Protein backbone atom coordinates (compact mmCIF):
# COMPACT_ATOMS: atom_id res chain seq x y z
CA MET A 1 109.02 -22.74 100.42
CA SER A 2 110.01 -19.23 98.84
CA ALA A 3 112.75 -17.24 99.35
CA GLU A 4 110.01 -14.67 100.74
CA ARG A 5 108.56 -16.95 103.47
CA LEU A 6 112.55 -17.92 104.74
CA GLU A 7 112.51 -13.94 105.07
CA VAL A 8 109.21 -13.32 107.19
CA ASP A 9 110.61 -16.50 109.24
CA ARG A 10 113.94 -15.80 109.85
CA PRO A 11 114.84 -15.07 113.60
CA GLY A 12 114.80 -11.95 115.27
CA VAL A 13 115.65 -9.92 118.04
CA GLY A 14 112.13 -9.77 119.12
CA MET A 15 112.29 -13.13 119.65
CA VAL A 16 114.39 -12.91 122.68
CA GLU A 17 113.66 -11.03 126.00
CA LEU A 18 116.11 -8.59 126.69
CA PRO A 19 118.23 -7.85 128.76
CA TRP A 20 119.06 -11.46 129.59
CA ARG A 21 120.38 -11.93 132.91
CA THR A 22 122.82 -15.05 133.63
CA GLU A 23 124.09 -15.67 137.82
CA ARG A 24 126.45 -12.80 137.31
CA LEU A 25 125.95 -11.13 134.18
CA LEU A 26 123.91 -8.89 131.90
CA LEU A 27 123.54 -9.17 128.37
CA ARG A 28 121.67 -6.39 126.49
CA PRO A 29 121.75 -4.84 123.04
CA ILE A 30 124.86 -3.06 121.58
CA VAL A 31 124.13 0.78 121.57
CA SER A 32 125.43 3.83 119.97
CA ASP A 33 126.60 4.96 123.34
CA ASP A 34 128.93 1.58 123.86
CA VAL A 35 131.89 3.32 121.77
CA GLU A 36 133.78 4.29 124.35
CA ALA A 37 133.32 0.87 126.56
CA MET A 38 134.20 -1.17 123.62
CA LEU A 39 137.51 0.60 122.30
CA ALA A 40 138.71 -0.40 126.18
CA PHE A 41 138.91 -4.34 125.16
CA ARG A 42 138.86 -4.24 121.17
CA SER A 43 142.42 -1.80 121.17
CA ASP A 44 144.00 -4.31 123.51
CA PRO A 45 146.39 -6.49 121.04
CA GLN A 46 146.06 -9.54 123.35
CA VAL A 47 142.26 -9.29 123.34
CA GLN A 48 141.84 -9.02 119.52
CA TRP A 49 144.78 -12.02 118.77
CA TYR A 50 141.53 -14.36 119.76
CA CYS A 51 139.03 -12.64 116.91
CA GLY A 52 142.01 -12.99 114.30
CA SER A 53 142.24 -9.30 113.89
CA PRO A 54 144.66 -6.51 115.26
CA ALA A 55 144.19 -3.99 117.70
CA MET A 56 141.03 -1.32 116.80
CA THR A 57 141.54 2.36 116.53
CA ARG A 58 138.67 3.99 117.40
CA ALA A 59 137.34 4.56 113.89
CA ASP A 60 137.27 0.91 113.79
CA VAL A 61 135.19 0.30 116.84
CA GLU A 62 132.72 3.48 115.69
CA ARG A 63 132.31 1.28 112.49
CA ARG A 64 131.69 -1.95 114.54
CA VAL A 65 129.38 -0.45 116.94
CA ALA A 66 127.70 1.17 114.16
CA TYR A 67 127.40 -1.99 112.32
CA ASN A 68 126.06 -3.96 115.31
CA VAL A 69 123.31 -1.88 115.94
CA HIS A 70 122.33 -2.20 112.55
CA ARG A 71 122.28 -5.50 112.31
CA MET A 72 119.59 -5.83 115.13
CA THR A 73 117.10 -3.69 112.98
CA PRO A 74 114.53 -5.41 110.86
CA ASP A 75 115.67 -4.35 107.41
CA THR A 76 119.36 -5.43 107.86
CA THR A 77 120.52 -8.29 105.41
CA GLU A 78 122.93 -9.60 107.98
CA PRO A 79 120.51 -10.30 110.97
CA GLY A 80 121.54 -11.23 114.40
CA LEU A 81 122.20 -10.68 118.20
CA ALA A 82 124.54 -8.12 119.00
CA LEU A 83 124.86 -7.75 122.71
CA ALA A 84 127.17 -5.69 125.20
CA VAL A 85 128.26 -8.22 128.47
CA VAL A 86 127.53 -5.75 131.12
CA ASP A 87 128.78 -6.42 135.05
CA PRO A 88 125.59 -5.27 136.98
CA THR A 89 127.28 -4.73 140.03
CA ASP A 90 129.06 -0.92 138.30
CA GLY A 91 127.05 -1.50 135.41
CA ARG A 92 130.03 -1.35 132.75
CA MET A 93 130.60 -3.13 129.42
CA TRP A 94 133.31 -5.36 129.79
CA GLY A 95 132.83 -7.44 126.47
CA ASP A 96 130.50 -8.21 123.57
CA ALA A 97 129.07 -11.25 122.43
CA LEU A 98 126.92 -12.36 119.18
CA ILE A 99 124.81 -14.71 117.72
CA GLY A 100 124.85 -14.62 113.76
CA PHE A 101 121.80 -16.20 111.73
CA THR A 102 121.95 -17.86 108.30
CA PRO A 103 119.47 -20.02 106.72
CA SER A 104 120.06 -23.69 106.69
CA SER A 105 120.97 -25.36 103.30
CA ALA A 106 118.70 -27.21 101.19
CA VAL A 107 119.71 -29.54 98.18
CA GLY A 108 116.67 -29.32 95.62
CA ARG A 109 114.22 -27.01 94.62
CA VAL A 110 112.24 -26.84 98.08
CA ALA A 111 114.07 -24.61 100.80
CA THR A 112 113.87 -25.54 104.65
CA SER A 113 112.62 -22.96 106.97
CA GLU A 114 115.41 -23.58 109.80
CA TRP A 115 118.14 -21.53 110.44
CA GLU A 116 121.59 -21.81 112.24
CA GLY A 117 123.86 -19.77 113.56
CA VAL A 118 127.47 -18.96 114.94
CA ILE A 119 127.94 -17.77 118.21
CA GLY A 120 131.27 -15.79 119.69
CA TYR A 121 132.22 -13.64 122.59
CA THR A 122 135.09 -11.11 123.56
CA LEU A 123 136.06 -10.08 127.33
CA HIS A 124 138.03 -7.47 128.75
CA HIS A 125 141.68 -8.60 130.05
CA ASP A 126 140.72 -7.78 133.38
CA LYS A 127 138.04 -10.28 133.02
CA GLN A 128 139.33 -13.33 131.46
CA GLY A 129 139.83 -16.41 133.80
CA GLN A 130 137.01 -15.82 136.08
CA GLY A 131 134.41 -18.02 134.43
CA TRP A 132 132.42 -15.42 132.66
CA GLY A 133 133.01 -17.00 129.06
CA GLY A 134 131.21 -20.46 130.29
CA GLU A 135 128.19 -17.80 131.53
CA ILE A 136 128.32 -16.27 128.15
CA ALA A 137 128.55 -19.17 126.01
CA ASP A 138 125.56 -21.06 127.84
CA ALA A 139 123.44 -17.79 127.56
CA LEU A 140 124.09 -17.65 124.04
CA LEU A 141 123.10 -21.54 123.53
CA ARG A 142 120.10 -21.14 125.43
CA MET A 143 118.47 -18.23 123.30
CA ALA A 144 119.91 -20.00 120.19
CA PHE A 145 117.95 -23.21 120.92
CA GLY A 146 115.36 -21.52 123.18
CA PRO A 147 113.26 -18.61 121.67
CA LEU A 148 115.41 -18.35 118.54
CA GLY A 149 114.57 -21.71 117.69
CA LEU A 150 117.99 -22.67 115.69
CA ARG A 151 118.68 -26.38 114.84
CA ARG A 152 122.46 -25.74 114.73
CA VAL A 153 125.16 -23.54 116.03
CA ARG A 154 128.61 -23.50 115.50
CA ALA A 155 131.80 -21.79 116.81
CA ASP A 156 135.22 -21.12 115.34
CA VAL A 157 138.69 -21.03 117.74
CA PHE A 158 142.46 -20.55 116.44
CA ALA A 159 143.78 -23.98 117.16
CA GLY A 160 146.60 -22.19 119.73
CA ASN A 161 143.13 -20.71 121.54
CA VAL A 162 143.13 -24.09 123.99
CA ALA A 163 141.00 -22.35 126.63
CA SER A 164 138.27 -21.18 124.17
CA GLU A 165 138.16 -24.55 122.68
CA ARG A 166 137.71 -26.44 125.78
CA LEU A 167 135.27 -24.08 126.78
CA LEU A 168 133.08 -24.77 123.94
CA ARG A 169 133.63 -28.70 124.30
CA ARG A 170 131.98 -28.43 127.79
CA HIS A 171 129.14 -26.51 126.30
CA GLY A 172 128.54 -29.94 123.97
CA LEU A 173 129.87 -28.76 120.71
CA ARG A 174 132.03 -31.11 119.11
CA LEU A 175 135.16 -30.37 116.58
CA GLU A 176 133.65 -31.21 113.04
CA GLY A 177 136.61 -30.37 111.00
CA ARG A 178 140.07 -28.48 111.14
CA SER A 179 141.50 -25.76 108.57
CA VAL A 180 145.00 -26.26 108.00
CA GLN A 181 147.27 -23.13 107.79
CA ALA A 182 143.99 -21.15 106.64
CA VAL A 183 145.31 -17.83 108.55
CA LEU A 184 148.47 -16.02 108.25
CA GLY A 185 149.10 -14.65 111.72
CA GLU A 186 150.59 -11.42 112.76
CA ASP A 187 153.71 -13.45 113.81
CA GLY A 188 154.21 -14.43 110.45
CA THR A 189 153.14 -18.20 110.78
CA TRP A 190 149.98 -19.76 109.67
CA TRP A 191 147.64 -20.99 111.90
CA ASP A 192 144.71 -23.78 112.16
CA ASP A 193 141.22 -22.84 112.62
CA LEU A 194 138.75 -25.33 114.25
CA HIS A 195 134.98 -25.73 113.66
CA LEU A 196 132.69 -26.67 116.18
CA ALA A 197 129.29 -27.38 116.43
CA ILE A 198 126.07 -28.50 118.38
CA LEU A 199 122.82 -29.64 116.99
CA ARG A 200 119.49 -28.26 119.21
CA GLU A 201 118.66 -32.18 119.76
CA GLU A 202 122.30 -32.51 121.26
CA TRP A 203 122.04 -29.51 123.30
CA LEU A 204 118.51 -30.73 124.46
CA ALA A 205 120.34 -34.01 125.61
CA ASN A 206 123.03 -32.91 127.28
CA ARG A 207 120.63 -30.75 129.25
CA HIS A 208 118.23 -33.15 129.93
CA GLY A 209 121.48 -35.57 131.44
CA THR A 210 122.99 -32.86 133.75
CA GLU A 211 119.36 -31.80 135.18
């Protein structure tokens, strides 16, 4: 299969019916007007710690929003779903979520038409610990293995982020690897990076086992 065919068949935003609703939340595409709302949580050092980067400035957020808007266009070279996490009761954006797409690797001359993804989300400090993370993770996996048809999904977390690791494991992701002292933290110590993943057939089996 040629690279041109892979480009045509890649996952895209048009495959998912948005906004996507969970029990309590609404996930919609990020738009240029989301700068102020995103700044409210991305400028918080406690929130950004989980993302492995310093608190964002307004300029940082403006660039991130512009990038996220662009990556959902047909001509982007880094396709993905960049979503705002909205509370329908007040209409406010309280977080963001992402599914990034990459073609699956293949050895040999024949490429594969399969794609895989990476998921992640960030929440305002005031909304953490309320079960929103679980709803978001469930929604991202449903999108990835449902309409997007991805074959594999991974997520990376710091070893110190125990809550996020537990959440991902509850949703069926297994620990596939650990990069020891891979990232220099702001506290001057080296942090381990954990790599978790789940296959489409594993996710389907987990769903059937709980229904």
